[in-house]
Amino acid sequence: MPHLTTDDGIKLYYEEVGSGIPIVFVHEFAGDARSYELQLRYFGQRYRCIAFNARGYPPSDVPADGAKYSQERARDDIRAVLDALHIERAHIVGLSMGGFAALHFGFTYPERARSLVVAGCGYGAQPDKRAQFAAEAEAAATQFEQQTMSKAAEGYALGPTRVQFQNKDPRGWREFASQLAEHSSEGSARTMRGVQARRPSLFDLVDQMKEMTTPTLIMTGDEDWPCLEPALLMKRTIPTAALVVMPNAGHTINLEDPAAFNRHIAEFLHTVDVGAWRKRDPRAMVSAILGR
């Protein structure tokens, strides 16, 4: 079972398939490396694909110290994967919690990213939702501890942006919920408190977004309500960003509609790899509606 070690001594489990230009997949809070199986099979035919379990997600280590969990650590764990596998630059694909990590990786280590896919990114980002999100995150963490994940997972997997997946693909949703139930109760609670609840709002990161030059694809489902406005914010602010909104889709878009998810990313990566991705023409951002 392959593991790598981060600079603060945490062992991370990873899976790897294929050869060629590297892609690193960074999972969401309710997922793990298994969540990207459909992407590993598809992209592994033409890319070197790596998916890893975040700290707190066995068989990765589950540190007992809550200070070991943060947005900065999640960002730097992507770098640890690249360093351990001797990868200079990679495409970084992240969903939800992984999307936040991918974005912050782009802020801090742009020289290591060939491109960024920031999908389902925005929970708790809107200023008027910050207090609500913090309260819900603490309630969820407490529930994970008191009920254990084996019991709490079913309710979490039936959130308002996940029922779309259940309705479209009950078999796939059941697999997702079953895998979530296998997660560490302690690791999930510490991740919820240390990474999810404490990360900065996207609306406070506008200045950093404006300076980004890495090709970036923003993706969201049109019924992933907490991510729609943040997706528009990132599209408007990041000069190299494109936006894909998947129809009648919730949060878990890589599982809910894997064919469309893979197709959008494949087209994006190909455009980047052949050097044809362009920054937005600033003339597109003038305030006029019909002309100058």
Protein backbone atom coordinates (compact mmCIF):
# COMPACT_ATOMS: atom_id res chain seq x y z
CA MET A 1 0.00 0.00 0.00
CA PRO A 2 1.89 3.11 -1.22
CA HIS A 3 2.38 6.05 1.14
CA LEU A 4 4.41 9.25 1.01
CA THR A 5 5.48 11.48 3.89
CA THR A 6 4.78 15.22 4.19
CA ASP A 7 7.22 17.76 5.59
CA ASP A 8 5.49 17.58 8.98
CA GLY A 9 5.74 13.81 9.15
CA ILE A 10 2.23 12.75 8.09
CA LYS A 11 1.94 9.68 5.86
CA LEU A 12 -0.48 10.05 2.96
CA TYR A 13 -1.88 7.12 1.02
CA TYR A 14 -1.96 7.52 -2.75
CA GLU A 15 -2.89 5.66 -5.92
CA GLU A 16 -1.27 6.08 -9.32
CA VAL A 17 -2.11 4.94 -12.84
CA GLY A 18 -0.98 5.75 -16.36
CA SER A 19 1.92 7.70 -17.80
CA GLY A 20 2.56 11.04 -19.43
CA ILE A 21 1.77 14.54 -18.18
CA PRO A 22 0.76 14.30 -14.49
CA ILE A 23 -2.65 15.06 -13.03
CA VAL A 24 -3.17 15.18 -9.26
CA PHE A 25 -6.76 14.70 -8.05
CA VAL A 26 -7.69 16.26 -4.69
CA HIS A 27 -10.88 14.92 -3.11
CA GLU A 28 -13.79 16.57 -1.35
CA PHE A 29 -14.64 16.37 2.36
CA ALA A 30 -17.10 13.51 1.87
CA GLY A 31 -14.83 11.60 -0.49
CA ASP A 32 -11.38 10.07 -0.70
CA ALA A 33 -9.14 8.73 -3.47
CA ARG A 34 -11.84 6.21 -4.40
CA SER A 35 -14.11 9.09 -5.39
CA TYR A 36 -11.92 9.64 -8.46
CA GLU A 37 -12.03 6.05 -9.74
CA LEU A 38 -14.00 7.06 -12.84
CA GLN A 39 -11.50 9.84 -13.55
CA LEU A 40 -8.47 7.59 -12.96
CA ARG A 41 -9.82 5.06 -15.45
CA TYR A 42 -10.57 7.72 -18.06
CA PHE A 43 -7.57 10.02 -17.78
CA GLY A 44 -5.17 7.19 -16.89
CA GLN A 45 -5.31 6.12 -20.53
CA ARG A 46 -3.35 9.21 -21.58
CA TYR A 47 -2.03 10.93 -18.42
CA ARG A 48 -0.09 9.98 -15.30
CA CYS A 49 -2.85 10.20 -12.69
CA ILE A 50 -2.42 10.41 -8.92
CA ALA A 51 -5.18 10.48 -6.31
CA PHE A 52 -4.40 10.63 -2.61
CA ASN A 53 -6.23 10.53 0.70
CA ALA A 54 -5.98 13.74 2.69
CA ARG A 55 -4.66 13.62 6.23
CA GLY A 56 -7.42 12.36 8.50
CA TYR A 57 -8.62 9.87 5.88
CA PRO A 58 -7.32 6.31 6.43
CA PRO A 59 -5.20 4.66 5.21
CA SER A 60 -3.52 8.09 5.43
CA ASP A 61 -2.52 9.11 8.95
CA VAL A 62 -5.10 10.62 11.29
CA PRO A 63 -3.15 13.12 13.42
CA ALA A 64 -4.53 13.59 16.92
CA ASP A 65 -3.37 17.22 17.05
CA GLY A 66 -6.05 19.52 15.67
CA ALA A 67 -3.36 22.03 14.67
CA LYS A 68 -2.26 19.58 11.97
CA TYR A 69 -5.43 20.36 10.00
CA SER A 70 -5.72 23.65 8.13
CA GLN A 71 -6.20 25.15 4.69
CA GLU A 72 -2.46 25.76 4.52
CA ARG A 73 -1.73 22.12 5.33
CA ALA A 74 -4.23 20.95 2.71
CA ARG A 75 -2.49 23.18 0.17
CA ASP A 76 0.98 22.02 1.13
CA ASP A 77 -0.01 18.36 1.06
CA ILE A 78 -0.49 18.74 -2.71
CA ARG A 79 3.08 20.00 -2.92
CA ALA A 80 4.21 17.04 -0.78
CA VAL A 81 2.67 14.66 -3.31
CA LEU A 82 4.52 16.35 -6.16
CA ASP A 83 7.80 16.37 -4.27
CA ALA A 84 7.59 12.75 -3.16
CA LEU A 85 6.78 11.55 -6.67
CA HIS A 86 9.44 13.79 -8.27
CA ILE A 87 6.90 15.77 -10.30
CA GLU A 88 7.94 19.30 -11.21
CA ARG A 89 4.57 20.48 -12.53
CA ALA A 90 1.12 18.91 -12.76
CA HIS A 91 -2.46 19.65 -13.60
CA ILE A 92 -4.28 19.97 -10.25
CA VAL A 93 -7.94 18.88 -10.16
CA GLY A 94 -9.86 19.54 -6.95
CA LEU A 95 -13.49 19.20 -5.93
CA SER A 96 -15.06 21.12 -3.01
CA MET A 97 -12.53 20.91 -0.14
CA GLY A 98 -10.09 19.77 -2.80
CA GLY A 99 -11.10 22.72 -4.99
CA PHE A 100 -10.22 25.15 -2.21
CA ALA A 101 -6.87 23.38 -1.79
CA ALA A 102 -6.22 23.56 -5.54
CA LEU A 103 -7.01 27.28 -5.62
CA HIS A 104 -4.70 28.01 -2.68
CA PHE A 105 -2.03 25.87 -4.31
CA GLY A 106 -2.33 28.12 -7.35
CA PHE A 107 -1.89 31.20 -5.17
CA THR A 108 1.22 29.92 -3.43
CA TYR A 109 2.94 27.58 -5.89
CA PRO A 110 1.94 28.73 -9.38
CA GLU A 111 5.22 27.46 -10.81
CA ARG A 112 4.20 23.90 -9.87
CA ALA A 113 0.77 23.97 -11.55
CA ARG A 114 0.27 23.39 -15.26
CA SER A 115 -3.40 24.21 -14.70
CA LEU A 116 -6.08 24.23 -12.02
CA VAL A 117 -9.56 22.73 -12.03
CA VAL A 118 -11.54 24.27 -9.17
CA ALA A 119 -14.86 22.40 -8.94
CA GLY A 120 -17.69 22.71 -6.44
CA CYS A 121 -15.82 25.41 -4.57
CA GLY A 122 -17.67 27.92 -2.40
CA TYR A 123 -19.27 26.44 0.71
CA GLY A 124 -19.35 29.12 3.41
CA ALA A 125 -17.70 31.68 1.16
CA GLN A 126 -20.46 34.29 0.87
CA PRO A 127 -20.10 36.95 3.58
CA ASP A 128 -23.70 36.64 4.77
CA LYS A 129 -23.31 32.86 5.12
CA ARG A 130 -20.07 32.74 7.12
CA ALA A 131 -21.66 32.49 10.56
CA GLN A 132 -24.20 29.93 9.39
CA PHE A 133 -21.51 27.78 7.79
CA ALA A 134 -19.32 27.90 10.91
CA ALA A 135 -22.24 26.83 13.08
CA GLU A 136 -23.22 24.00 10.74
CA ALA A 137 -19.59 22.84 10.49
CA GLU A 138 -19.28 22.64 14.28
CA ALA A 139 -22.60 20.80 14.53
CA ALA A 140 -21.46 18.31 11.89
CA ALA A 141 -18.10 17.75 13.63
CA THR A 142 -19.87 17.12 16.94
CA GLN A 143 -22.23 14.69 15.23
CA PHE A 144 -19.32 12.77 13.70
CA GLU A 145 -17.79 12.40 17.16
CA GLN A 146 -20.97 11.48 19.01
CA GLN A 147 -22.67 9.27 16.44
CA THR A 148 -19.54 8.06 14.57
CA MET A 149 -19.31 8.29 10.79
CA SER A 150 -21.01 4.95 10.28
CA LYS A 151 -24.25 6.55 11.52
CA ALA A 152 -23.74 10.21 10.59
CA ALA A 153 -22.80 9.49 6.98
CA GLU A 154 -26.33 8.76 5.80
CA GLY A 155 -27.63 12.17 6.82
CA TYR A 156 -24.59 13.97 5.44
CA ALA A 157 -24.92 12.14 2.13
CA LEU A 158 -28.52 13.39 1.85
CA GLY A 159 -27.66 17.09 1.96
CA PRO A 160 -29.59 19.45 -0.32
CA THR A 161 -26.84 19.44 -2.96
CA ARG A 162 -26.41 15.65 -2.93
CA VAL A 163 -29.98 14.46 -3.46
CA GLN A 164 -29.50 15.17 -7.18
CA PHE A 165 -26.91 12.37 -7.25
CA GLN A 166 -29.22 10.02 -5.36
CA ASN A 167 -32.07 10.69 -7.79
CA LYS A 168 -29.96 10.22 -10.93
CA ASP A 169 -27.88 7.27 -9.86
CA PRO A 170 -29.13 5.49 -6.71
CA ARG A 171 -26.52 2.75 -7.08
CA GLY A 172 -23.64 5.22 -7.42
CA TRP A 173 -24.99 7.32 -4.55
CA ARG A 174 -25.23 4.25 -2.31
CA GLU A 175 -21.59 3.43 -3.01
CA PHE A 176 -20.64 7.02 -2.20
CA ALA A 177 -22.60 6.96 1.07
CA SER A 178 -21.12 3.59 2.04
CA GLN A 179 -17.59 4.82 1.47
CA LEU A 180 -18.31 7.95 3.50
CA ALA A 181 -19.48 5.73 6.38
CA GLU A 182 -16.05 4.10 6.42
CA HIS A 183 -14.24 7.37 7.13
CA SER A 184 -12.56 8.09 10.45
CA SER A 185 -14.91 9.84 12.86
CA GLU A 186 -11.98 11.63 14.51
CA GLY A 187 -10.33 12.57 11.23
CA SER A 188 -13.59 13.86 9.79
CA ALA A 189 -14.32 15.98 12.87
CA ARG A 190 -10.81 17.46 12.92
CA THR A 191 -10.91 18.15 9.20
CA MET A 192 -14.30 19.84 9.51
CA ARG A 193 -13.05 22.11 12.29
CA GLY A 194 -9.51 22.72 11.07
CA VAL A 195 -9.89 22.95 7.30
CA GLN A 196 -13.52 23.58 6.46
CA ALA A 197 -14.63 25.94 9.23
CA ARG A 198 -11.43 28.00 9.43
CA ARG A 199 -10.62 28.60 5.77
CA PRO A 200 -10.83 32.20 4.54
CA SER A 201 -13.75 33.39 2.47
CA LEU A 202 -13.20 33.48 -1.28
CA PHE A 203 -14.55 37.03 -1.18
CA ASP A 204 -11.51 37.99 0.92
CA LEU A 205 -9.11 36.55 -1.68
CA VAL A 206 -10.02 38.74 -4.64
CA ASP A 207 -6.64 40.49 -4.78
CA GLN A 208 -4.85 37.14 -5.01
CA MET A 209 -7.24 35.92 -7.69
CA LYS A 210 -6.57 39.00 -9.82
CA GLU A 211 -2.86 38.12 -9.94
CA MET A 212 -3.34 34.53 -11.08
CA THR A 213 -1.87 33.54 -14.44
CA THR A 214 -2.33 29.75 -14.24
CA PRO A 215 -4.98 28.39 -16.65
CA THR A 216 -8.03 27.73 -14.50
CA LEU A 217 -11.30 25.94 -15.08
CA ILE A 218 -14.12 26.67 -12.62
CA MET A 219 -16.86 24.03 -12.49
CA THR A 220 -20.13 23.81 -10.58
CA GLY A 221 -23.51 22.19 -10.76
CA ASP A 222 -26.43 24.55 -11.30
CA GLU A 223 -28.16 23.20 -8.16
CA ASP A 224 -25.02 23.45 -6.04
CA TRP A 225 -26.44 26.63 -4.55
CA PRO A 226 -23.57 27.54 -2.16
CA CYS A 227 -21.11 27.42 -5.08
CA LEU A 228 -22.90 29.39 -7.80
CA GLU A 229 -22.08 32.94 -6.66
CA PRO A 230 -18.50 32.01 -5.67
CA ALA A 231 -18.05 30.41 -9.11
CA LEU A 232 -19.10 33.66 -10.77
CA LEU A 233 -16.76 35.58 -8.48
CA MET A 234 -13.82 33.43 -9.51
CA LYS A 235 -14.76 33.66 -13.19
CA ARG A 236 -14.97 37.44 -13.03
CA THR A 237 -11.78 37.85 -11.02
CA ILE A 238 -9.26 35.29 -12.29
CA PRO A 239 -8.01 36.54 -15.68
CA THR A 240 -7.29 33.02 -16.95
CA ALA A 241 -10.54 31.40 -15.77
CA ALA A 242 -13.30 29.70 -17.72
CA LEU A 243 -16.58 28.61 -16.14
CA VAL A 244 -18.58 25.43 -16.71
CA VAL A 245 -22.04 25.13 -15.11
CA MET A 246 -23.38 21.59 -15.38
CA PRO A 247 -27.18 21.42 -15.79
CA ASN A 248 -29.51 19.88 -13.20
CA ALA A 249 -26.48 18.90 -11.15
CA GLY A 250 -25.58 19.12 -7.48
CA HIS A 251 -22.28 19.06 -5.64
CA THR A 252 -20.73 15.69 -6.43
CA ILE A 253 -20.45 16.37 -10.16
CA ASN A 254 -17.54 14.01 -10.87
CA LEU A 255 -19.72 11.09 -9.71
CA GLU A 256 -23.13 12.43 -10.65
CA ASP A 257 -22.26 13.02 -14.32
CA PRO A 258 -18.77 11.60 -14.89
CA ALA A 259 -18.98 11.61 -18.70
CA ALA A 260 -19.65 15.36 -18.88
CA PHE A 261 -17.20 16.12 -16.07
CA ASN A 262 -14.43 14.18 -17.79
CA ARG A 263 -15.19 15.66 -21.20
CA HIS A 264 -15.02 19.26 -19.97
CA ILE A 265 -11.73 18.64 -18.18
CA ALA A 266 -10.24 16.71 -21.11
CA GLU A 267 -10.94 19.60 -23.49
CA PHE A 268 -9.48 22.06 -21.01
CA LEU A 269 -6.31 20.05 -20.40
CA HIS A 270 -5.75 19.52 -24.12
CA THR A 271 -6.05 23.24 -24.79
CA VAL A 272 -3.56 23.97 -22.02
CA ASP A 273 -1.14 21.26 -23.13
CA VAL A 274 -0.97 22.55 -26.70
CA GLY A 275 -0.37 26.09 -25.46
CA ALA A 276 -3.67 27.52 -26.71
CA TRP A 277 -5.20 28.68 -23.40
CA ARG A 278 -5.52 32.46 -23.32
CA LYS A 279 -6.08 35.16 -20.75
CA ARG A 280 -9.37 37.01 -20.93
CA ASP A 281 -9.38 40.02 -23.21
CA PRO A 282 -9.78 43.03 -20.86
CA ARG A 283 -12.21 44.57 -23.36
CA ALA A 284 -14.71 41.92 -22.21
CA MET A 285 -14.86 43.53 -18.79
CA VAL A 286 -16.00 47.05 -19.67
CA SER A 287 -19.25 48.27 -18.11
CA ALA A 288 -21.00 48.96 -21.43
CA ILE A 289 -23.67 46.47 -22.50
CA LEU A 290 -23.80 46.91 -26.30
CA GLY A 291 -20.54 48.63 -27.16
CA ARG A 292 -17.90 51.07 -26.05
